[in-house]
Amino acid sequence: MGEKNGAVAVTDKTEKAEKRAVTPFEQMERDFGEMRRRMYELFRRPFGAAPVWTPTATAAAWTPTADAYALDGKLMVKAELPGVKTEDITVTVEHGMLTLTGTRHTEEKVEKAKYYTWERFAGSFTRSFTLPDGVDPAAITAEYKDGVLEVTIPLPATVKAEAHQVPIK
């Protein structure tokens, strides 16, 4: 869970797991599993139980935006999490996947106000990123500041190598 000064603890859930590359089919299966989970969340409520504009109906639709890029031998992941408290964010590494999870809580509605729309999302979110082979989970750090979670993943030497052209004979 969260820590002081914007630092976020990174948990390594890999327990002597075999370190190997995730195949495209395994990644596709994970993505389909995530899609199934989201569809279940969306449709588990009875139809008509909540109008489409309420936080309850739209909470399952929120996925934070994120950028992932390599810079100076590090993989950087930046996720926008406005309104999420540090203690409500979890960063885990398991089986070659970096997963960001958390919850954004709903603010209290003003009882006497006449709302025309209620668009701010609340609820749980999950974002996962495949890590390159050889990443040391213990070296991953995360910092949360001004609504942006920044995860720094030092890349192993084999991944840091510059691309080079191979001559064709």
N, C-alpha and C. Protein backbone atom coordinates (compact mmCIF):
# COMPACT_ATOMS: atom_id res chain seq x y z
N MET A 1 0.83 -1.18 0.00
CA MET A 1 0.00 0.00 0.00
C MET A 1 0.87 1.24 0.00
N GLY A 2 0.28 2.38 0.16
CA GLY A 2 0.98 3.65 0.06
C GLY A 2 1.91 3.91 1.22
N GLU A 3 2.85 4.80 0.99
CA GLU A 3 3.79 5.20 2.02
C GLU A 3 3.85 6.71 2.06
N LYS A 4 4.61 7.27 3.00
CA LYS A 4 4.72 8.71 3.16
C LYS A 4 5.51 9.33 2.02
N ASN A 5 5.35 10.64 1.87
CA ASN A 5 6.09 11.45 0.91
C ASN A 5 5.86 11.02 -0.54
N GLY A 6 4.71 10.48 -0.85
CA GLY A 6 4.39 10.13 -2.22
C GLY A 6 5.00 8.85 -2.73
N ALA A 7 5.82 8.17 -1.91
CA ALA A 7 6.41 6.90 -2.35
C ALA A 7 5.36 5.81 -2.27
N VAL A 8 5.34 4.94 -3.25
CA VAL A 8 4.40 3.83 -3.30
C VAL A 8 5.20 2.55 -3.23
N ALA A 9 4.80 1.65 -2.35
CA ALA A 9 5.51 0.37 -2.22
C ALA A 9 5.25 -0.49 -3.45
N VAL A 10 6.28 -1.18 -3.90
CA VAL A 10 6.17 -2.11 -5.02
C VAL A 10 6.30 -3.51 -4.46
N THR A 11 5.31 -4.35 -4.71
CA THR A 11 5.30 -5.70 -4.17
C THR A 11 5.67 -6.70 -5.25
N ASP A 12 6.62 -7.58 -4.96
CA ASP A 12 7.01 -8.64 -5.88
C ASP A 12 6.26 -9.90 -5.47
N LYS A 13 5.29 -10.32 -6.29
CA LYS A 13 4.51 -11.51 -5.98
C LYS A 13 5.09 -12.76 -6.63
N THR A 14 6.20 -12.62 -7.32
CA THR A 14 6.82 -13.76 -7.98
C THR A 14 7.56 -14.57 -6.94
N GLU A 15 7.08 -15.77 -6.70
CA GLU A 15 7.71 -16.65 -5.73
C GLU A 15 8.40 -17.77 -6.46
N LYS A 16 9.70 -17.58 -6.73
CA LYS A 16 10.49 -18.57 -7.45
C LYS A 16 9.82 -18.98 -8.75
N ALA A 17 9.15 -18.01 -9.36
CA ALA A 17 8.49 -18.30 -10.63
C ALA A 17 9.53 -18.39 -11.73
N GLU A 18 9.26 -19.22 -12.69
CA GLU A 18 10.15 -19.38 -13.82
C GLU A 18 10.15 -18.07 -14.60
N LYS A 19 11.33 -17.49 -14.79
CA LYS A 19 11.42 -16.23 -15.53
C LYS A 19 11.61 -16.56 -16.99
N ARG A 20 10.64 -16.16 -17.80
CA ARG A 20 10.69 -16.39 -19.22
C ARG A 20 9.83 -15.34 -19.90
N ALA A 21 10.00 -15.23 -21.19
CA ALA A 21 9.24 -14.26 -21.96
C ALA A 21 7.77 -14.65 -22.01
N VAL A 22 6.90 -13.67 -21.98
CA VAL A 22 5.47 -13.92 -22.13
C VAL A 22 5.19 -13.98 -23.62
N THR A 23 4.60 -15.06 -24.06
CA THR A 23 4.30 -15.21 -25.49
C THR A 23 3.13 -14.31 -25.85
N PRO A 24 3.00 -13.97 -27.12
CA PRO A 24 1.85 -13.16 -27.54
C PRO A 24 0.52 -13.81 -27.19
N PHE A 25 0.46 -15.14 -27.24
CA PHE A 25 -0.78 -15.82 -26.92
C PHE A 25 -1.10 -15.72 -25.42
N GLU A 26 -0.06 -15.79 -24.57
CA GLU A 26 -0.29 -15.62 -23.13
C GLU A 26 -0.75 -14.21 -22.83
N GLN A 27 -0.15 -13.22 -23.51
CA GLN A 27 -0.57 -11.84 -23.31
C GLN A 27 -2.01 -11.65 -23.77
N MET A 28 -2.35 -12.27 -24.91
CA MET A 28 -3.71 -12.17 -25.42
C MET A 28 -4.70 -12.81 -24.43
N GLU A 29 -4.31 -13.95 -23.85
CA GLU A 29 -5.18 -14.60 -22.87
C GLU A 29 -5.37 -13.72 -21.64
N ARG A 30 -4.30 -13.06 -21.19
CA ARG A 30 -4.42 -12.13 -20.05
C ARG A 30 -5.35 -10.97 -20.39
N ASP A 31 -5.19 -10.43 -21.61
CA ASP A 31 -6.03 -9.32 -22.03
C ASP A 31 -7.50 -9.74 -22.11
N PHE A 32 -7.75 -10.94 -22.65
CA PHE A 32 -9.13 -11.43 -22.71
C PHE A 32 -9.69 -11.65 -21.30
N GLY A 33 -8.85 -12.14 -20.39
CA GLY A 33 -9.30 -12.31 -19.01
C GLY A 33 -9.69 -10.99 -18.38
N GLU A 34 -8.89 -9.96 -18.63
CA GLU A 34 -9.22 -8.63 -18.13
C GLU A 34 -10.51 -8.11 -18.75
N MET A 35 -10.69 -8.36 -20.06
CA MET A 35 -11.91 -7.94 -20.73
C MET A 35 -13.13 -8.66 -20.16
N ARG A 36 -12.99 -9.97 -19.90
CA ARG A 36 -14.09 -10.73 -19.30
C ARG A 36 -14.44 -10.19 -17.92
N ARG A 37 -13.40 -9.86 -17.14
CA ARG A 37 -13.64 -9.32 -15.80
C ARG A 37 -14.39 -7.99 -15.89
N ARG A 38 -13.99 -7.13 -16.82
CA ARG A 38 -14.66 -5.84 -16.97
C ARG A 38 -16.09 -6.00 -17.45
N MET A 39 -16.31 -6.92 -18.38
CA MET A 39 -17.69 -7.16 -18.85
C MET A 39 -18.55 -7.68 -17.72
N TYR A 40 -18.00 -8.57 -16.90
CA TYR A 40 -18.75 -9.07 -15.75
C TYR A 40 -19.13 -7.92 -14.82
N GLU A 41 -18.15 -7.04 -14.53
CA GLU A 41 -18.43 -5.90 -13.65
C GLU A 41 -19.51 -5.00 -14.24
N LEU A 42 -19.46 -4.80 -15.56
CA LEU A 42 -20.43 -3.94 -16.21
C LEU A 42 -21.83 -4.52 -16.17
N PHE A 43 -21.95 -5.83 -16.40
CA PHE A 43 -23.27 -6.44 -16.52
C PHE A 43 -23.77 -7.17 -15.28
N ARG A 44 -23.03 -7.16 -14.20
CA ARG A 44 -23.49 -7.88 -13.01
C ARG A 44 -24.65 -7.18 -12.33
N ARG A 45 -24.83 -5.89 -12.61
CA ARG A 45 -25.97 -5.17 -12.04
C ARG A 45 -27.20 -5.43 -12.92
N PRO A 46 -28.36 -5.51 -12.31
CA PRO A 46 -29.57 -5.69 -13.13
C PRO A 46 -29.77 -4.49 -14.04
N PHE A 47 -30.25 -4.74 -15.28
CA PHE A 47 -30.52 -3.64 -16.19
C PHE A 47 -31.59 -2.74 -15.60
N GLY A 48 -31.40 -1.47 -15.75
CA GLY A 48 -32.37 -0.51 -15.24
C GLY A 48 -32.17 -0.17 -13.78
N ALA A 49 -31.22 -0.83 -13.10
CA ALA A 49 -31.02 -0.57 -11.68
C ALA A 49 -30.44 0.81 -11.44
N ALA A 50 -29.68 1.31 -12.40
CA ALA A 50 -29.08 2.63 -12.25
C ALA A 50 -29.05 3.31 -13.60
N PRO A 51 -29.41 4.59 -13.66
CA PRO A 51 -29.32 5.30 -14.94
C PRO A 51 -27.88 5.31 -15.43
N VAL A 52 -27.68 5.43 -16.74
CA VAL A 52 -26.35 5.33 -17.31
C VAL A 52 -25.41 6.44 -16.86
N TRP A 53 -25.90 7.55 -16.34
CA TRP A 53 -25.03 8.66 -15.97
C TRP A 53 -24.59 8.62 -14.52
N THR A 54 -24.99 7.65 -13.74
CA THR A 54 -24.61 7.63 -12.33
C THR A 54 -23.21 7.04 -12.17
N PRO A 55 -22.54 7.35 -11.05
CA PRO A 55 -21.21 6.78 -10.81
C PRO A 55 -21.24 5.26 -10.77
N THR A 56 -22.32 4.68 -10.27
CA THR A 56 -22.41 3.23 -10.16
C THR A 56 -22.31 2.58 -11.53
N ALA A 57 -23.00 3.14 -12.51
CA ALA A 57 -23.01 2.55 -13.84
C ALA A 57 -21.72 2.79 -14.60
N THR A 58 -21.06 3.91 -14.34
CA THR A 58 -19.88 4.25 -15.13
C THR A 58 -18.57 3.89 -14.44
N ALA A 59 -18.61 3.46 -13.19
CA ALA A 59 -17.38 3.20 -12.45
C ALA A 59 -16.54 2.11 -13.12
N ALA A 60 -17.19 1.10 -13.70
CA ALA A 60 -16.45 0.02 -14.32
C ALA A 60 -15.75 0.47 -15.60
N ALA A 61 -16.14 1.62 -16.13
CA ALA A 61 -15.59 2.07 -17.39
C ALA A 61 -14.30 2.87 -17.25
N TRP A 62 -13.92 3.26 -16.05
CA TRP A 62 -12.74 4.11 -15.89
C TRP A 62 -11.47 3.29 -15.89
N THR A 63 -10.59 3.63 -16.80
CA THR A 63 -9.25 3.06 -16.83
C THR A 63 -8.30 4.25 -16.94
N PRO A 64 -7.39 4.38 -15.98
CA PRO A 64 -6.49 5.52 -16.03
C PRO A 64 -5.60 5.49 -17.28
N THR A 65 -5.31 6.66 -17.81
CA THR A 65 -4.41 6.74 -18.95
C THR A 65 -2.98 6.60 -18.46
N ALA A 66 -2.13 6.02 -19.30
CA ALA A 66 -0.75 5.78 -18.90
C ALA A 66 0.17 5.85 -20.12
N ASP A 67 1.40 6.26 -19.87
CA ASP A 67 2.46 6.24 -20.88
C ASP A 67 3.54 5.28 -20.39
N ALA A 68 4.12 4.52 -21.31
CA ALA A 68 5.25 3.65 -20.99
C ALA A 68 6.32 3.89 -22.04
N TYR A 69 7.54 4.21 -21.59
CA TYR A 69 8.61 4.51 -22.52
C TYR A 69 9.96 4.18 -21.89
N ALA A 70 10.96 3.96 -22.74
CA ALA A 70 12.33 3.68 -22.27
C ALA A 70 13.13 4.97 -22.37
N LEU A 71 13.93 5.23 -21.32
CA LEU A 71 14.77 6.42 -21.28
C LEU A 71 15.96 6.17 -20.37
N ASP A 72 17.16 6.36 -20.90
CA ASP A 72 18.39 6.24 -20.12
C ASP A 72 18.50 4.92 -19.37
N GLY A 73 18.21 3.82 -20.05
CA GLY A 73 18.35 2.50 -19.44
C GLY A 73 17.26 2.14 -18.45
N LYS A 74 16.16 2.88 -18.49
CA LYS A 74 15.05 2.60 -17.57
C LYS A 74 13.75 2.59 -18.37
N LEU A 75 12.84 1.73 -17.94
CA LEU A 75 11.49 1.73 -18.48
C LEU A 75 10.67 2.60 -17.53
N MET A 76 9.99 3.59 -18.06
CA MET A 76 9.20 4.50 -17.24
C MET A 76 7.72 4.26 -17.55
N VAL A 77 6.91 4.18 -16.51
CA VAL A 77 5.46 4.08 -16.66
C VAL A 77 4.87 5.23 -15.85
N LYS A 78 4.11 6.09 -16.53
CA LYS A 78 3.45 7.20 -15.87
C LYS A 78 1.95 7.05 -16.07
N ALA A 79 1.22 7.00 -14.96
CA ALA A 79 -0.23 6.84 -15.01
C ALA A 79 -0.89 8.02 -14.33
N GLU A 80 -1.90 8.57 -14.98
CA GLU A 80 -2.66 9.68 -14.41
C GLU A 80 -3.75 9.11 -13.51
N LEU A 81 -3.66 9.47 -12.22
CA LEU A 81 -4.61 8.96 -11.23
C LEU A 81 -5.18 10.12 -10.40
N PRO A 82 -5.81 11.10 -11.03
CA PRO A 82 -6.31 12.24 -10.26
C PRO A 82 -7.38 11.81 -9.26
N GLY A 83 -7.30 12.36 -8.07
CA GLY A 83 -8.30 12.07 -7.06
C GLY A 83 -8.10 10.77 -6.32
N VAL A 84 -7.02 10.05 -6.61
CA VAL A 84 -6.74 8.79 -5.93
C VAL A 84 -5.69 9.06 -4.85
N LYS A 85 -5.97 8.58 -3.64
CA LYS A 85 -5.03 8.76 -2.54
C LYS A 85 -3.91 7.74 -2.64
N THR A 86 -2.71 8.13 -2.17
CA THR A 86 -1.54 7.24 -2.22
C THR A 86 -1.84 5.90 -1.56
N GLU A 87 -2.53 5.93 -0.44
CA GLU A 87 -2.80 4.68 0.28
C GLU A 87 -3.80 3.77 -0.45
N ASP A 88 -4.44 4.28 -1.50
CA ASP A 88 -5.38 3.48 -2.28
C ASP A 88 -4.76 2.92 -3.56
N ILE A 89 -3.44 3.05 -3.70
CA ILE A 89 -2.74 2.57 -4.90
C ILE A 89 -1.83 1.41 -4.51
N THR A 90 -1.82 0.37 -5.34
CA THR A 90 -0.92 -0.77 -5.15
C THR A 90 -0.20 -1.03 -6.46
N VAL A 91 1.11 -1.23 -6.37
CA VAL A 91 1.92 -1.58 -7.53
C VAL A 91 2.51 -2.95 -7.25
N THR A 92 2.24 -3.92 -8.13
CA THR A 92 2.76 -5.28 -7.93
C THR A 92 3.48 -5.76 -9.17
N VAL A 93 4.41 -6.70 -8.95
CA VAL A 93 5.11 -7.38 -10.04
C VAL A 93 4.89 -8.86 -9.83
N GLU A 94 4.33 -9.50 -10.84
CA GLU A 94 4.05 -10.94 -10.74
C GLU A 94 4.14 -11.56 -12.12
N HIS A 95 4.98 -12.59 -12.23
CA HIS A 95 5.13 -13.34 -13.47
C HIS A 95 5.41 -12.44 -14.68
N GLY A 96 6.31 -11.49 -14.51
CA GLY A 96 6.70 -10.63 -15.61
C GLY A 96 5.71 -9.55 -15.97
N MET A 97 4.76 -9.29 -15.10
CA MET A 97 3.75 -8.25 -15.34
C MET A 97 3.81 -7.21 -14.22
N LEU A 98 3.82 -5.94 -14.60
CA LEU A 98 3.69 -4.84 -13.66
C LEU A 98 2.21 -4.47 -13.64
N THR A 99 1.60 -4.49 -12.46
CA THR A 99 0.18 -4.20 -12.37
C THR A 99 -0.07 -3.06 -11.40
N LEU A 100 -0.82 -2.07 -11.87
CA LEU A 100 -1.23 -0.94 -11.05
C LEU A 100 -2.70 -1.14 -10.70
N THR A 101 -3.02 -1.16 -9.42
CA THR A 101 -4.42 -1.28 -9.01
C THR A 101 -4.71 -0.21 -7.98
N GLY A 102 -5.97 0.12 -7.85
CA GLY A 102 -6.35 1.12 -6.86
C GLY A 102 -7.82 1.41 -6.90
N THR A 103 -8.20 2.37 -6.08
CA THR A 103 -9.60 2.77 -5.96
C THR A 103 -9.69 4.28 -5.86
N ARG A 104 -10.61 4.83 -6.61
CA ARG A 104 -10.93 6.26 -6.47
C ARG A 104 -12.31 6.31 -5.84
N HIS A 105 -12.40 6.98 -4.70
CA HIS A 105 -13.66 7.04 -3.95
C HIS A 105 -14.55 8.18 -4.43
N THR A 106 -15.84 7.97 -4.29
CA THR A 106 -16.83 8.96 -4.69
C THR A 106 -16.94 10.04 -3.62
N GLU A 107 -17.03 11.28 -4.09
CA GLU A 107 -17.30 12.36 -3.15
C GLU A 107 -18.79 12.33 -2.82
N GLU A 108 -19.11 12.90 -1.68
CA GLU A 108 -20.51 12.96 -1.28
C GLU A 108 -21.27 13.91 -2.20
N LYS A 109 -22.44 13.51 -2.62
CA LYS A 109 -23.29 14.39 -3.41
C LYS A 109 -23.91 15.44 -2.49
N VAL A 110 -24.12 16.61 -3.04
CA VAL A 110 -24.83 17.65 -2.30
C VAL A 110 -26.30 17.33 -2.43
N GLU A 111 -26.96 17.07 -1.30
CA GLU A 111 -28.33 16.57 -1.31
C GLU A 111 -29.33 17.52 -1.97
N LYS A 112 -29.18 18.81 -1.75
CA LYS A 112 -30.19 19.74 -2.26
C LYS A 112 -29.89 20.23 -3.67
N ALA A 113 -28.76 19.83 -4.23
CA ALA A 113 -28.39 20.28 -5.57
C ALA A 113 -29.15 19.50 -6.63
N LYS A 114 -29.42 20.16 -7.73
CA LYS A 114 -30.04 19.50 -8.88
C LYS A 114 -28.93 19.22 -9.88
N TYR A 115 -28.51 17.97 -9.96
CA TYR A 115 -27.42 17.60 -10.84
C TYR A 115 -27.92 17.43 -12.27
N TYR A 116 -27.18 18.02 -13.21
CA TYR A 116 -27.47 17.82 -14.63
C TYR A 116 -26.67 16.66 -15.17
N THR A 117 -25.53 16.43 -14.57
CA THR A 117 -24.70 15.30 -14.94
C THR A 117 -23.78 14.96 -13.77
N TRP A 118 -23.36 13.73 -13.71
CA TRP A 118 -22.44 13.25 -12.68
C TRP A 118 -21.44 12.38 -13.42
N GLU A 119 -20.33 13.00 -13.89
CA GLU A 119 -19.43 12.33 -14.81
C GLU A 119 -18.13 11.85 -14.19
N ARG A 120 -17.80 12.30 -13.01
CA ARG A 120 -16.53 11.90 -12.43
C ARG A 120 -16.62 10.44 -11.99
N PHE A 121 -15.66 9.66 -12.45
CA PHE A 121 -15.68 8.23 -12.20
C PHE A 121 -15.14 7.91 -10.81
N ALA A 122 -15.66 6.85 -10.25
CA ALA A 122 -15.18 6.32 -8.98
C ALA A 122 -15.21 4.81 -9.08
N GLY A 123 -14.40 4.17 -8.27
CA GLY A 123 -14.36 2.72 -8.27
C GLY A 123 -12.95 2.20 -8.44
N SER A 124 -12.84 0.92 -8.65
CA SER A 124 -11.55 0.25 -8.76
C SER A 124 -11.02 0.29 -10.19
N PHE A 125 -9.71 0.24 -10.31
CA PHE A 125 -9.08 0.19 -11.62
C PHE A 125 -7.90 -0.75 -11.57
N THR A 126 -7.51 -1.24 -12.74
CA THR A 126 -6.34 -2.10 -12.90
C THR A 126 -5.71 -1.79 -14.25
N ARG A 127 -4.40 -1.65 -14.27
CA ARG A 127 -3.63 -1.51 -15.51
C ARG A 127 -2.44 -2.43 -15.39
N SER A 128 -2.15 -3.19 -16.44
CA SER A 128 -1.02 -4.13 -16.43
C SER A 128 -0.11 -3.87 -17.63
N PHE A 129 1.19 -4.08 -17.41
CA PHE A 129 2.20 -3.89 -18.43
C PHE A 129 3.16 -5.07 -18.40
N THR A 130 3.47 -5.63 -19.57
CA THR A 130 4.43 -6.72 -19.66
C THR A 130 5.82 -6.15 -19.50
N LEU A 131 6.62 -6.76 -18.63
CA LEU A 131 7.99 -6.31 -18.40
C LEU A 131 8.95 -7.13 -19.25
N PRO A 132 10.07 -6.52 -19.65
CA PRO A 132 11.08 -7.29 -20.39
C PRO A 132 11.71 -8.35 -19.50
N ASP A 133 12.27 -9.38 -20.11
CA ASP A 133 12.97 -10.43 -19.35
C ASP A 133 14.14 -9.83 -18.58
N GLY A 134 14.41 -10.37 -17.41
CA GLY A 134 15.57 -9.99 -16.63
C GLY A 134 15.40 -8.79 -15.73
N VAL A 135 14.21 -8.22 -15.66
CA VAL A 135 13.97 -7.08 -14.78
C VAL A 135 13.99 -7.55 -13.33
N ASP A 136 14.70 -6.80 -12.48
CA ASP A 136 14.77 -7.12 -11.05
C ASP A 136 13.62 -6.41 -10.33
N PRO A 137 12.60 -7.15 -9.86
CA PRO A 137 11.46 -6.52 -9.19
C PRO A 137 11.86 -5.69 -7.96
N ALA A 138 12.92 -6.08 -7.28
CA ALA A 138 13.35 -5.35 -6.08
C ALA A 138 13.90 -3.97 -6.43
N ALA A 139 14.31 -3.75 -7.68
CA ALA A 139 14.88 -2.46 -8.08
C ALA A 139 13.82 -1.48 -8.59
N ILE A 140 12.59 -1.91 -8.70
CA ILE A 140 11.52 -1.05 -9.22
C ILE A 140 11.09 -0.08 -8.12
N THR A 141 10.95 1.18 -8.50
CA THR A 141 10.49 2.20 -7.55
C THR A 141 9.25 2.89 -8.12
N ALA A 142 8.45 3.47 -7.22
CA ALA A 142 7.26 4.19 -7.65
C ALA A 142 7.09 5.43 -6.78
N GLU A 143 6.66 6.51 -7.42
CA GLU A 143 6.42 7.76 -6.71
C GLU A 143 5.11 8.35 -7.21
N TYR A 144 4.33 8.89 -6.29
CA TYR A 144 3.04 9.47 -6.63
C TYR A 144 3.04 10.94 -6.22
N LYS A 145 2.84 11.82 -7.22
CA LYS A 145 2.87 13.25 -6.95
C LYS A 145 1.92 13.96 -7.89
N ASP A 146 1.12 14.85 -7.36
CA ASP A 146 0.20 15.67 -8.16
C ASP A 146 -0.70 14.84 -9.07
N GLY A 147 -1.17 13.70 -8.59
CA GLY A 147 -2.09 12.87 -9.35
C GLY A 147 -1.45 12.01 -10.43
N VAL A 148 -0.11 11.96 -10.45
CA VAL A 148 0.58 11.13 -11.46
C VAL A 148 1.46 10.12 -10.74
N LEU A 149 1.25 8.84 -11.04
CA LEU A 149 2.08 7.77 -10.51
C LEU A 149 3.19 7.51 -11.52
N GLU A 150 4.44 7.59 -11.04
CA GLU A 150 5.60 7.34 -11.90
C GLU A 150 6.34 6.12 -11.39
N VAL A 151 6.38 5.08 -12.22
CA VAL A 151 7.07 3.84 -11.87
C VAL A 151 8.34 3.76 -12.70
N THR A 152 9.48 3.53 -12.03
CA THR A 152 10.78 3.45 -12.70
C THR A 152 11.28 2.02 -12.60
N ILE A 153 11.56 1.42 -13.76
CA ILE A 153 12.00 0.03 -13.84
C ILE A 153 13.38 0.01 -14.50
N PRO A 154 14.45 -0.24 -13.73
CA PRO A 154 15.78 -0.34 -14.35
C PRO A 154 15.80 -1.54 -15.31
N LEU A 155 16.26 -1.29 -16.54
CA LEU A 155 16.30 -2.35 -17.53
C LEU A 155 17.60 -3.15 -17.40
N PRO A 156 17.55 -4.46 -17.62
CA PRO A 156 18.78 -5.26 -17.60
C PRO A 156 19.66 -4.91 -18.79
N ALA A 157 20.94 -5.23 -18.70
CA ALA A 157 21.91 -4.87 -19.73
C ALA A 157 21.51 -5.40 -21.11
N THR A 158 20.91 -6.56 -21.18
CA THR A 158 20.55 -7.13 -22.48
C THR A 158 19.47 -6.31 -23.17
N VAL A 159 18.62 -5.65 -22.40
CA VAL A 159 17.56 -4.84 -22.97
C VAL A 159 18.07 -3.45 -23.31
N LYS A 160 19.09 -2.98 -22.58
CA LYS A 160 19.63 -1.64 -22.79
C LYS A 160 20.39 -1.50 -24.10
N ALA A 161 20.83 -2.60 -24.66
CA ALA A 161 21.68 -2.56 -25.86
C ALA A 161 21.00 -1.77 -26.98
N GLU A 162 21.80 -0.95 -27.64
CA GLU A 162 21.31 -0.16 -28.75
C GLU A 162 21.04 -1.08 -29.94
N ALA A 163 20.08 -0.71 -30.74
CA ALA A 163 19.78 -1.48 -31.94
C ALA A 163 20.91 -1.25 -32.95
N HIS A 164 21.23 -2.27 -33.66
CA HIS A 164 22.26 -2.15 -34.70
C HIS A 164 21.82 -2.91 -35.93
N GLN A 165 22.32 -2.46 -37.07
CA GLN A 165 21.94 -3.08 -38.33
C GLN A 165 22.82 -4.31 -38.57
N VAL A 166 22.19 -5.39 -38.96
CA VAL A 166 22.91 -6.63 -39.26
C VAL A 166 23.13 -6.68 -40.77
N PRO A 167 24.38 -6.82 -41.20
CA PRO A 167 24.63 -6.88 -42.66
C PRO A 167 24.07 -8.17 -43.24
N ILE A 168 23.57 -8.06 -44.44
CA ILE A 168 23.00 -9.21 -45.15
C ILE A 168 24.01 -9.66 -46.19
N LYS A 169 24.36 -10.94 -46.17
CA LYS A 169 25.34 -11.48 -47.12
C LYS A 169 24.65 -12.09 -48.32
